[in-house]
Amino acid sequence: MAMVLSVPGNASDVAGVPGNNKYVIKVATFSSTYADAALTATQLGLESVHIVIAQSESVGYVAQYDYTNEELHLYYADYDASADGALVKASGTTAVTVRILAFGR
């Protein structure tokens, strides 16, 4: 399978030189009733987002950033993958904490 790499959005194509790019580290805590959570550049203290690395601190959940809709989604493993696929979007039954590392301008 072929793969194509490209530069996302307005990120610069320079490896290893941060220039005027910034990074922030945040913790997002979802309450026990949540849907997709808005996560914009402004909320992160940035003008634009180049990349978001999100890791759930709560066992059993996977966090994923939706760049198009600027939302943070939570998923859990579906042990019966034939029904919904490997991961299912969580609808909220328990509080979940996600650690976020975001790079942008």
N, C-alpha and C. Protein backbone atom coordinates (compact mmCIF):
# COMPACT_ATOMS: atom_id res chain seq x y z
N MET A 1 0.84 -1.17 0.00
CA MET A 1 0.00 0.00 0.00
C MET A 1 0.89 1.24 0.00
N ALA A 2 0.62 2.18 -0.84
CA ALA A 2 1.39 3.42 -0.93
C ALA A 2 0.92 4.40 0.13
N MET A 3 1.80 5.33 0.46
CA MET A 3 1.48 6.36 1.42
C MET A 3 2.05 7.67 0.93
N VAL A 4 1.30 8.75 1.09
CA VAL A 4 1.74 10.08 0.69
C VAL A 4 1.80 10.96 1.93
N LEU A 5 2.91 11.64 2.13
CA LEU A 5 3.04 12.58 3.23
C LEU A 5 2.91 14.00 2.71
N SER A 6 2.23 14.84 3.45
CA SER A 6 2.09 16.24 3.08
C SER A 6 2.08 17.10 4.34
N VAL A 7 2.21 18.39 4.17
CA VAL A 7 2.21 19.33 5.29
C VAL A 7 0.76 19.75 5.56
N PRO A 8 0.27 19.57 6.81
CA PRO A 8 -1.11 19.92 7.11
C PRO A 8 -1.31 21.41 7.29
N GLY A 9 -2.43 21.91 6.80
CA GLY A 9 -2.82 23.30 7.02
C GLY A 9 -1.74 24.30 6.71
N ASN A 10 -1.50 25.20 7.66
CA ASN A 10 -0.50 26.23 7.45
C ASN A 10 0.80 25.94 8.20
N ALA A 11 1.05 24.67 8.54
CA ALA A 11 2.29 24.29 9.22
C ALA A 11 3.46 24.46 8.27
N SER A 12 4.60 24.82 8.83
CA SER A 12 5.78 24.97 7.98
C SER A 12 6.39 23.60 7.72
N ASP A 13 7.10 23.46 6.63
CA ASP A 13 7.70 22.20 6.23
C ASP A 13 9.17 22.17 6.65
N VAL A 14 9.42 22.45 7.92
CA VAL A 14 10.78 22.47 8.44
C VAL A 14 10.84 21.49 9.60
N ALA A 15 11.71 20.51 9.52
CA ALA A 15 11.81 19.52 10.58
C ALA A 15 12.83 19.97 11.63
N GLY A 16 12.45 19.89 12.90
CA GLY A 16 13.39 20.14 13.98
C GLY A 16 13.64 21.60 14.32
N VAL A 17 13.04 22.55 13.61
CA VAL A 17 13.22 23.97 13.91
C VAL A 17 11.85 24.54 14.29
N PRO A 18 11.65 24.86 15.58
CA PRO A 18 10.32 25.30 15.99
C PRO A 18 9.93 26.68 15.48
N GLY A 19 10.88 27.56 15.21
CA GLY A 19 10.55 28.89 14.70
C GLY A 19 9.53 29.58 15.56
N ASN A 20 8.45 30.06 14.97
CA ASN A 20 7.42 30.75 15.75
C ASN A 20 6.27 29.81 16.13
N ASN A 21 6.50 28.52 16.05
CA ASN A 21 5.49 27.55 16.48
C ASN A 21 5.52 27.44 18.00
N LYS A 22 4.37 27.09 18.57
CA LYS A 22 4.26 26.93 20.01
C LYS A 22 3.67 25.56 20.31
N TYR A 23 3.85 25.12 21.54
CA TYR A 23 3.15 23.93 21.98
C TYR A 23 2.51 24.21 23.33
N VAL A 24 1.44 23.49 23.61
CA VAL A 24 0.76 23.60 24.90
C VAL A 24 0.44 22.20 25.40
N ILE A 25 0.42 22.08 26.69
CA ILE A 25 0.03 20.82 27.32
C ILE A 25 -1.19 21.13 28.18
N LYS A 26 -2.26 20.40 27.96
CA LYS A 26 -3.52 20.62 28.69
C LYS A 26 -4.07 19.28 29.16
N VAL A 27 -4.97 19.35 30.09
CA VAL A 27 -5.72 18.17 30.52
C VAL A 27 -7.19 18.48 30.34
N ALA A 28 -7.88 17.63 29.62
CA ALA A 28 -9.33 17.78 29.41
C ALA A 28 -10.03 16.73 30.26
N THR A 29 -11.01 17.15 31.02
CA THR A 29 -11.78 16.22 31.84
C THR A 29 -13.21 16.22 31.35
N PHE A 30 -13.64 15.09 30.86
CA PHE A 30 -15.01 14.91 30.40
C PHE A 30 -15.86 14.51 31.60
N SER A 31 -17.04 15.09 31.73
CA SER A 31 -17.95 14.69 32.80
C SER A 31 -18.54 13.33 32.45
N SER A 32 -19.42 12.85 33.30
CA SER A 32 -20.00 11.52 33.05
C SER A 32 -21.03 11.54 31.93
N THR A 33 -21.43 12.72 31.48
CA THR A 33 -22.33 12.81 30.32
C THR A 33 -21.69 13.73 29.30
N TYR A 34 -21.19 13.15 28.22
CA TYR A 34 -20.49 13.94 27.22
C TYR A 34 -20.79 13.44 25.82
N ALA A 35 -20.66 14.34 24.91
CA ALA A 35 -20.69 14.01 23.49
C ALA A 35 -19.32 14.44 22.97
N ASP A 36 -19.22 14.72 21.69
CA ASP A 36 -17.96 15.23 21.16
C ASP A 36 -17.71 16.59 21.78
N ALA A 37 -16.48 16.82 22.21
CA ALA A 37 -16.15 18.07 22.89
C ALA A 37 -15.41 19.00 21.93
N ALA A 38 -15.89 20.22 21.81
CA ALA A 38 -15.21 21.21 20.98
C ALA A 38 -13.82 21.46 21.57
N LEU A 39 -12.82 21.52 20.70
CA LEU A 39 -11.45 21.81 21.12
C LEU A 39 -10.82 22.64 20.01
N THR A 40 -10.89 23.96 20.18
CA THR A 40 -10.42 24.88 19.15
C THR A 40 -9.02 25.40 19.48
N ALA A 41 -8.39 25.99 18.47
CA ALA A 41 -7.08 26.60 18.67
C ALA A 41 -7.15 27.66 19.76
N THR A 42 -8.19 28.46 19.75
CA THR A 42 -8.36 29.52 20.75
C THR A 42 -8.42 28.94 22.16
N GLN A 43 -9.15 27.86 22.35
CA GLN A 43 -9.23 27.22 23.66
C GLN A 43 -7.86 26.74 24.13
N LEU A 44 -7.01 26.37 23.18
CA LEU A 44 -5.67 25.89 23.51
C LEU A 44 -4.66 27.03 23.64
N GLY A 45 -5.10 28.27 23.37
CA GLY A 45 -4.19 29.41 23.44
C GLY A 45 -3.34 29.56 22.20
N LEU A 46 -3.81 29.02 21.08
CA LEU A 46 -3.08 29.08 19.81
C LEU A 46 -3.91 29.82 18.77
N GLU A 47 -3.25 30.26 17.70
CA GLU A 47 -3.96 30.86 16.58
C GLU A 47 -4.43 29.79 15.61
N SER A 48 -3.62 28.74 15.45
CA SER A 48 -3.98 27.62 14.59
C SER A 48 -3.35 26.36 15.15
N VAL A 49 -3.93 25.21 14.82
CA VAL A 49 -3.46 23.92 15.32
C VAL A 49 -2.77 23.16 14.19
N HIS A 50 -1.55 22.71 14.44
CA HIS A 50 -0.85 21.87 13.46
C HIS A 50 -1.09 20.39 13.76
N ILE A 51 -0.97 20.03 15.05
CA ILE A 51 -1.16 18.64 15.45
C ILE A 51 -1.60 18.57 16.90
N VAL A 52 -2.47 17.62 17.20
CA VAL A 52 -2.90 17.35 18.56
C VAL A 52 -2.61 15.88 18.86
N ILE A 53 -1.90 15.67 19.95
CA ILE A 53 -1.65 14.31 20.43
C ILE A 53 -2.43 14.19 21.73
N ALA A 54 -3.40 13.31 21.75
CA ALA A 54 -4.28 13.17 22.90
C ALA A 54 -4.22 11.74 23.41
N GLN A 55 -4.03 11.61 24.72
CA GLN A 55 -3.94 10.29 25.32
C GLN A 55 -4.84 10.23 26.55
N SER A 56 -5.71 9.26 26.57
CA SER A 56 -6.62 9.10 27.70
C SER A 56 -5.87 8.61 28.92
N GLU A 57 -6.13 9.23 30.06
CA GLU A 57 -5.57 8.76 31.32
C GLU A 57 -6.48 7.71 31.94
N SER A 58 -7.66 7.54 31.39
CA SER A 58 -8.63 6.57 31.87
C SER A 58 -8.49 5.29 31.05
N VAL A 59 -8.25 4.18 31.71
CA VAL A 59 -8.03 2.90 31.04
C VAL A 59 -9.25 2.52 30.23
N GLY A 60 -9.03 2.06 29.01
CA GLY A 60 -10.11 1.56 28.17
C GLY A 60 -10.66 2.55 27.17
N TYR A 61 -10.15 3.79 27.17
CA TYR A 61 -10.62 4.80 26.23
C TYR A 61 -9.49 5.27 25.32
N VAL A 62 -9.84 5.61 24.10
CA VAL A 62 -8.90 6.16 23.12
C VAL A 62 -9.42 7.55 22.74
N ALA A 63 -8.53 8.54 22.81
CA ALA A 63 -8.90 9.90 22.43
C ALA A 63 -8.39 10.18 21.02
N GLN A 64 -9.19 10.87 20.22
CA GLN A 64 -8.84 11.19 18.84
C GLN A 64 -9.31 12.60 18.52
N TYR A 65 -8.43 13.42 17.95
CA TYR A 65 -8.80 14.78 17.57
C TYR A 65 -9.33 14.80 16.15
N ASP A 66 -10.47 15.45 15.95
CA ASP A 66 -11.08 15.62 14.64
C ASP A 66 -10.69 17.02 14.15
N TYR A 67 -9.72 17.10 13.23
CA TYR A 67 -9.19 18.38 12.75
C TYR A 67 -10.24 19.17 11.97
N THR A 68 -11.07 18.50 11.22
CA THR A 68 -12.08 19.18 10.40
C THR A 68 -13.11 19.90 11.26
N ASN A 69 -13.61 19.23 12.28
CA ASN A 69 -14.67 19.80 13.11
C ASN A 69 -14.16 20.39 14.43
N GLU A 70 -12.86 20.35 14.64
CA GLU A 70 -12.24 20.86 15.86
C GLU A 70 -12.92 20.30 17.10
N GLU A 71 -12.92 18.97 17.20
CA GLU A 71 -13.54 18.28 18.32
C GLU A 71 -12.63 17.17 18.83
N LEU A 72 -12.76 16.89 20.11
CA LEU A 72 -12.05 15.76 20.71
C LEU A 72 -13.06 14.65 20.91
N HIS A 73 -12.78 13.49 20.35
CA HIS A 73 -13.69 12.35 20.44
C HIS A 73 -13.08 11.28 21.35
N LEU A 74 -13.94 10.54 21.99
CA LEU A 74 -13.52 9.41 22.81
C LEU A 74 -14.11 8.13 22.24
N TYR A 75 -13.30 7.08 22.24
CA TYR A 75 -13.72 5.77 21.74
C TYR A 75 -13.36 4.70 22.76
N TYR A 76 -14.04 3.56 22.67
CA TYR A 76 -13.69 2.41 23.48
C TYR A 76 -13.66 1.19 22.58
N ALA A 77 -13.00 0.13 23.05
CA ALA A 77 -12.86 -1.08 22.25
C ALA A 77 -14.19 -1.83 22.21
N ASP A 78 -14.53 -2.30 21.02
CA ASP A 78 -15.74 -3.10 20.84
C ASP A 78 -15.29 -4.54 20.68
N TYR A 79 -15.59 -5.36 21.67
CA TYR A 79 -15.12 -6.75 21.63
C TYR A 79 -15.90 -7.58 20.61
N ASP A 80 -17.03 -7.08 20.16
CA ASP A 80 -17.77 -7.73 19.09
C ASP A 80 -17.63 -6.82 17.87
N ALA A 81 -16.43 -6.77 17.29
CA ALA A 81 -16.11 -5.84 16.20
C ALA A 81 -17.01 -6.00 14.99
N SER A 82 -17.68 -7.13 14.88
CA SER A 82 -18.54 -7.33 13.71
C SER A 82 -19.74 -6.38 13.73
N ALA A 83 -20.10 -5.88 14.89
CA ALA A 83 -21.28 -5.02 14.99
C ALA A 83 -20.98 -3.57 14.61
N ASP A 84 -19.95 -2.97 15.21
CA ASP A 84 -19.71 -1.54 15.04
C ASP A 84 -18.32 -1.18 14.52
N GLY A 85 -17.46 -2.14 14.34
CA GLY A 85 -16.08 -1.85 13.99
C GLY A 85 -15.20 -2.03 15.22
N ALA A 86 -13.91 -1.79 15.07
CA ALA A 86 -12.96 -2.03 16.15
C ALA A 86 -13.15 -1.07 17.33
N LEU A 87 -13.43 0.21 17.03
CA LEU A 87 -13.65 1.19 18.09
C LEU A 87 -15.03 1.82 17.93
N VAL A 88 -15.67 2.08 19.07
CA VAL A 88 -17.00 2.66 19.09
C VAL A 88 -16.93 4.00 19.80
N LYS A 89 -17.60 5.01 19.26
CA LYS A 89 -17.61 6.32 19.89
C LYS A 89 -18.32 6.22 21.24
N ALA A 90 -17.65 6.69 22.27
CA ALA A 90 -18.21 6.64 23.62
C ALA A 90 -19.32 7.67 23.76
N SER A 91 -20.36 7.31 24.49
CA SER A 91 -21.48 8.22 24.69
C SER A 91 -21.50 8.81 26.09
N GLY A 92 -20.67 8.30 26.98
CA GLY A 92 -20.55 8.88 28.31
C GLY A 92 -21.25 8.12 29.40
N THR A 93 -20.50 7.42 30.19
CA THR A 93 -21.05 6.75 31.36
C THR A 93 -20.17 6.98 32.58
N THR A 94 -18.97 7.48 32.36
CA THR A 94 -18.04 7.72 33.45
C THR A 94 -17.16 8.92 33.11
N ALA A 95 -16.59 9.55 34.11
CA ALA A 95 -15.69 10.67 33.87
C ALA A 95 -14.40 10.15 33.23
N VAL A 96 -13.91 10.86 32.22
CA VAL A 96 -12.70 10.47 31.50
C VAL A 96 -11.77 11.68 31.42
N THR A 97 -10.49 11.45 31.71
CA THR A 97 -9.49 12.50 31.65
C THR A 97 -8.54 12.22 30.48
N VAL A 98 -8.26 13.27 29.69
CA VAL A 98 -7.39 13.15 28.52
C VAL A 98 -6.27 14.17 28.62
N ARG A 99 -5.04 13.72 28.44
CA ARG A 99 -3.90 14.63 28.42
C ARG A 99 -3.65 15.02 26.97
N ILE A 100 -3.43 16.32 26.72
CA ILE A 100 -3.32 16.85 25.36
C ILE A 100 -1.98 17.57 25.18
N LEU A 101 -1.30 17.24 24.09
CA LEU A 101 -0.11 17.97 23.65
C LEU A 101 -0.46 18.51 22.27
N ALA A 102 -0.49 19.84 22.13
CA ALA A 102 -0.87 20.46 20.86
C ALA A 102 0.23 21.38 20.37
N PHE A 103 0.54 21.30 19.09
CA PHE A 103 1.49 22.20 18.45
C PHE A 103 0.75 23.08 17.47
N GLY A 104 1.15 24.32 17.38
CA GLY A 104 0.51 25.23 16.44
C GLY A 104 1.18 26.58 16.45
N ARG A 105 0.45 27.59 16.04
CA ARG A 105 0.96 28.97 16.07
C ARG A 105 0.09 29.81 16.94
